[in-house]
Amino acid sequence: MTEAINQEPSMVFTDSAAAKVKSLIEEDQNDNLKLRVFITGGGCAGFSYGFSFDEAVADDDTTIVNGGVTMVVDPMSFQYLAGSEVDYKEGLQGSQFVINNPNATTTCGCGSSFSI
């Protein structure tokens, strides 16, 4: 069950992504960590997705909780990610977090950058 804190749930944090984040947090033995999803300029299509672990949550961050794991997004990034799904996929090309972003008008072949 995905639950939003601070705002309406307009992003999806999938069970698969939450389970992977939970296992990474357990490996690091730091229950204060949250998955931070963000947008940066650059990449072959204009913007790039970024993922990091963060202990801090700002007052204006959007937080989404799934399975006891928290994902946070800053306001600047959230405007480009609203309606997106953050998932974790394992396949022949490896394992990775992926963002399915309905706001992206073009994406690159690697799936890590986009334009609006």
C-alpha atoms as a PDB file:
ATOM      1  CA  MET A   1       0.000   0.000   0.000  1.00  0.00           C
ATOM      2  CA  THR A   2       1.470   3.352  -1.051  1.00  0.00           C
ATOM      3  CA  GLU A   3       0.703   6.261   1.253  1.00  0.00           C
ATOM      4  CA  ALA A   4       1.601   9.895   0.617  1.00  0.00           C
ATOM      5  CA  ILE A   5       2.577  12.305   3.343  1.00  0.00           C
ATOM      6  CA  ASN A   6       2.450  16.095   2.781  1.00  0.00           C
ATOM      7  CA  GLN A   7       0.645  15.849  -0.576  1.00  0.00           C
ATOM      8  CA  GLU A   8      -1.781  13.725  -2.540  1.00  0.00           C
ATOM      9  CA  PRO A   9      -0.195  10.556  -3.971  1.00  0.00           C
ATOM     10  CA  SER A  10       0.707  11.634  -7.476  1.00  0.00           C
ATOM     11  CA  MET A  11       3.722   9.351  -7.791  1.00  0.00           C
ATOM     12  CA  VAL A  12       3.863   5.577  -7.456  1.00  0.00           C
ATOM     13  CA  PHE A  13       6.572   3.832  -5.431  1.00  0.00           C
ATOM     14  CA  THR A  14       6.151   0.199  -6.488  1.00  0.00           C
ATOM     15  CA  ASP A  15       6.360  -2.774  -4.156  1.00  0.00           C
ATOM     16  CA  SER A  16       9.395  -4.027  -6.100  1.00  0.00           C
ATOM     17  CA  ALA A  17      11.257  -0.719  -5.668  1.00  0.00           C
ATOM     18  CA  ALA A  18      10.322  -0.485  -1.984  1.00  0.00           C
ATOM     19  CA  ALA A  19      11.507  -4.058  -1.344  1.00  0.00           C
ATOM     20  CA  LYS A  20      14.872  -3.358  -3.008  1.00  0.00           C
ATOM     21  CA  VAL A  21      15.329  -0.116  -1.053  1.00  0.00           C
ATOM     22  CA  LYS A  22      14.450  -1.945   2.153  1.00  0.00           C
ATOM     23  CA  SER A  23      17.087  -4.620   1.482  1.00  0.00           C
ATOM     24  CA  LEU A  24      19.729  -1.956   0.705  1.00  0.00           C
ATOM     25  CA  ILE A  25      18.881  -0.072   3.908  1.00  0.00           C
ATOM     26  CA  GLU A  26      19.151  -3.311   5.905  1.00  0.00           C
ATOM     27  CA  GLU A  27      22.582  -3.997   4.349  1.00  0.00           C
ATOM     28  CA  ASP A  28      23.717  -0.497   5.360  1.00  0.00           C
ATOM     29  CA  GLN A  29      22.209  -0.962   8.841  1.00  0.00           C
ATOM     30  CA  ASN A  30      20.815   2.578   8.910  1.00  0.00           C
ATOM     31  CA  ASP A  31      17.037   2.699   9.377  1.00  0.00           C
ATOM     32  CA  ASN A  32      17.059   6.505   8.905  1.00  0.00           C
ATOM     33  CA  LEU A  33      17.833   6.264   5.187  1.00  0.00           C
ATOM     34  CA  LYS A  34      15.251   7.219   2.575  1.00  0.00           C
ATOM     35  CA  LEU A  35      15.400   6.893  -1.208  1.00  0.00           C
ATOM     36  CA  ARG A  36      15.750  10.364  -2.736  1.00  0.00           C
ATOM     37  CA  VAL A  37      14.662  10.639  -6.369  1.00  0.00           C
ATOM     38  CA  PHE A  38      15.702  13.788  -8.223  1.00  0.00           C
ATOM     39  CA  ILE A  39      16.143  15.436 -11.596  1.00  0.00           C
ATOM     40  CA  THR A  40      19.352  17.055 -12.814  1.00  0.00           C
ATOM     41  CA  GLY A  41      20.165  18.926 -15.993  1.00  0.00           C
ATOM     42  CA  GLY A  42      22.177  17.044 -18.568  1.00  0.00           C
ATOM     43  CA  GLY A  43      22.062  13.634 -20.111  1.00  0.00           C
ATOM     44  CA  CYS A  44      21.592  12.938 -23.787  1.00  0.00           C
ATOM     45  CA  ALA A  45      17.938  14.057 -23.751  1.00  0.00           C
ATOM     46  CA  GLY A  46      18.125  17.154 -21.503  1.00  0.00           C
ATOM     47  CA  PHE A  47      17.309  15.968 -17.965  1.00  0.00           C
ATOM     48  CA  SER A  48      18.637  12.990 -16.029  1.00  0.00           C
ATOM     49  CA  TYR A  49      17.097  10.952 -13.244  1.00  0.00           C
ATOM     50  CA  GLY A  50      19.074  10.539 -10.056  1.00  0.00           C
ATOM     51  CA  PHE A  51      18.787   8.286  -7.028  1.00  0.00           C
ATOM     52  CA  SER A  52      20.551   8.590  -3.692  1.00  0.00           C
ATOM     53  CA  PHE A  53      20.070   7.679  -0.064  1.00  0.00           C
ATOM     54  CA  ASP A  54      19.381  10.527   2.324  1.00  0.00           C
ATOM     55  CA  GLU A  55      18.642  10.778   6.034  1.00  0.00           C
ATOM     56  CA  ALA A  56      17.221  14.309   5.794  1.00  0.00           C
ATOM     57  CA  VAL A  57      13.743  15.303   4.672  1.00  0.00           C
ATOM     58  CA  ALA A  58      13.022  18.974   3.976  1.00  0.00           C
ATOM     59  CA  ASP A  59       9.675  20.516   4.923  1.00  0.00           C
ATOM     60  CA  ASP A  60       8.759  20.980   1.258  1.00  0.00           C
ATOM     61  CA  ASP A  61       9.793  17.473   0.101  1.00  0.00           C
ATOM     62  CA  THR A  62       7.100  15.090  -1.061  1.00  0.00           C
ATOM     63  CA  THR A  63       7.324  11.796   0.801  1.00  0.00           C
ATOM     64  CA  ILE A  64       5.746   8.537  -0.285  1.00  0.00           C
ATOM     65  CA  VAL A  65       5.830   5.469   1.964  1.00  0.00           C
ATOM     66  CA  ASN A  66       5.479   1.869   0.830  1.00  0.00           C
ATOM     67  CA  GLY A  67       6.107  -1.101   3.117  1.00  0.00           C
ATOM     68  CA  GLY A  68       7.740   1.063   5.761  1.00  0.00           C
ATOM     69  CA  VAL A  69      10.214   2.514   3.265  1.00  0.00           C
ATOM     70  CA  THR A  70      10.175   6.230   2.399  1.00  0.00           C
ATOM     71  CA  MET A  71      10.857   7.828  -0.984  1.00  0.00           C
ATOM     72  CA  VAL A  72      11.431  11.607  -1.005  1.00  0.00           C
ATOM     73  CA  VAL A  73      11.313  14.080  -3.889  1.00  0.00           C
ATOM     74  CA  ASP A  74      12.256  17.755  -3.759  1.00  0.00           C
ATOM     75  CA  PRO A  75       9.735  20.300  -5.151  1.00  0.00           C
ATOM     76  CA  MET A  76      11.766  21.206  -8.261  1.00  0.00           C
ATOM     77  CA  SER A  77      12.086  17.553  -9.264  1.00  0.00           C
ATOM     78  CA  PHE A  78       8.504  16.732  -8.306  1.00  0.00           C
ATOM     79  CA  GLN A  79       7.105  19.085 -10.955  1.00  0.00           C
ATOM     80  CA  TYR A  80       8.767  16.897 -13.627  1.00  0.00           C
ATOM     81  CA  LEU A  81       7.982  13.599 -11.889  1.00  0.00           C
ATOM     82  CA  ALA A  82       4.295  14.077 -10.986  1.00  0.00           C
ATOM     83  CA  GLY A  83       2.362  11.050 -12.221  1.00  0.00           C
ATOM     84  CA  SER A  84       5.521   8.928 -12.546  1.00  0.00           C
ATOM     85  CA  GLU A  85       6.134   5.417 -11.310  1.00  0.00           C
ATOM     86  CA  VAL A  86       9.415   4.481  -9.614  1.00  0.00           C
ATOM     87  CA  ASP A  87      10.060   0.766 -10.088  1.00  0.00           C
ATOM     88  CA  TYR A  88      12.899  -1.739  -9.756  1.00  0.00           C
ATOM     89  CA  LYS A  89      13.533  -4.155 -12.626  1.00  0.00           C
ATOM     90  CA  GLU A  90      15.795  -7.164 -12.943  1.00  0.00           C
ATOM     91  CA  GLY A  91      16.541  -8.436 -16.423  1.00  0.00           C
ATOM     92  CA  LEU A  92      19.155  -9.552 -18.908  1.00  0.00           C
ATOM     93  CA  GLN A  93      20.711  -6.082 -18.981  1.00  0.00           C
ATOM     94  CA  GLY A  94      21.080  -6.001 -15.207  1.00  0.00           C
ATOM     95  CA  SER A  95      19.124  -4.671 -12.283  1.00  0.00           C
ATOM     96  CA  GLN A  96      18.140  -1.038 -11.919  1.00  0.00           C
ATOM     97  CA  PHE A  97      15.644   1.468 -10.647  1.00  0.00           C
ATOM     98  CA  VAL A  98      13.514   2.807 -13.489  1.00  0.00           C
ATOM     99  CA  ILE A  99      11.136   5.732 -13.761  1.00  0.00           C
ATOM    100  CA  ASN A 100       8.089   5.484 -15.990  1.00  0.00           C
ATOM    101  CA  ASN A 101       7.413   9.179 -16.579  1.00  0.00           C
ATOM    102  CA  PRO A 102       4.279  10.188 -18.539  1.00  0.00           C
ATOM    103  CA  ASN A 103       5.595  13.784 -18.685  1.00  0.00           C
ATOM    104  CA  ALA A 104       8.640  12.856 -20.783  1.00  0.00           C
ATOM    105  CA  THR A 105       8.166  13.635 -24.460  1.00  0.00           C
ATOM    106  CA  THR A 106      11.425  11.951 -25.490  1.00  0.00           C
ATOM    107  CA  THR A 107      13.763   9.582 -23.686  1.00  0.00           C
ATOM    108  CA  CYS A 108      17.192   8.226 -24.480  1.00  0.00           C
ATOM    109  CA  GLY A 109      17.939   4.586 -25.176  1.00  0.00           C
ATOM    110  CA  CYS A 110      19.345   3.963 -21.714  1.00  0.00           C
ATOM    111  CA  GLY A 111      16.185   5.306 -20.045  1.00  0.00           C
ATOM    112  CA  SER A 112      18.091   7.529 -17.631  1.00  0.00           C
ATOM    113  CA  SER A 113      17.465  10.864 -19.358  1.00  0.00           C
ATOM    114  CA  PHE A 114      14.447  12.600 -20.869  1.00  0.00           C
ATOM    115  CA  SER A 115      13.051  15.864 -22.171  1.00  0.00           C
ATOM    116  CA  ILE A 116       9.718  17.592 -21.681  1.00  0.00           C
END
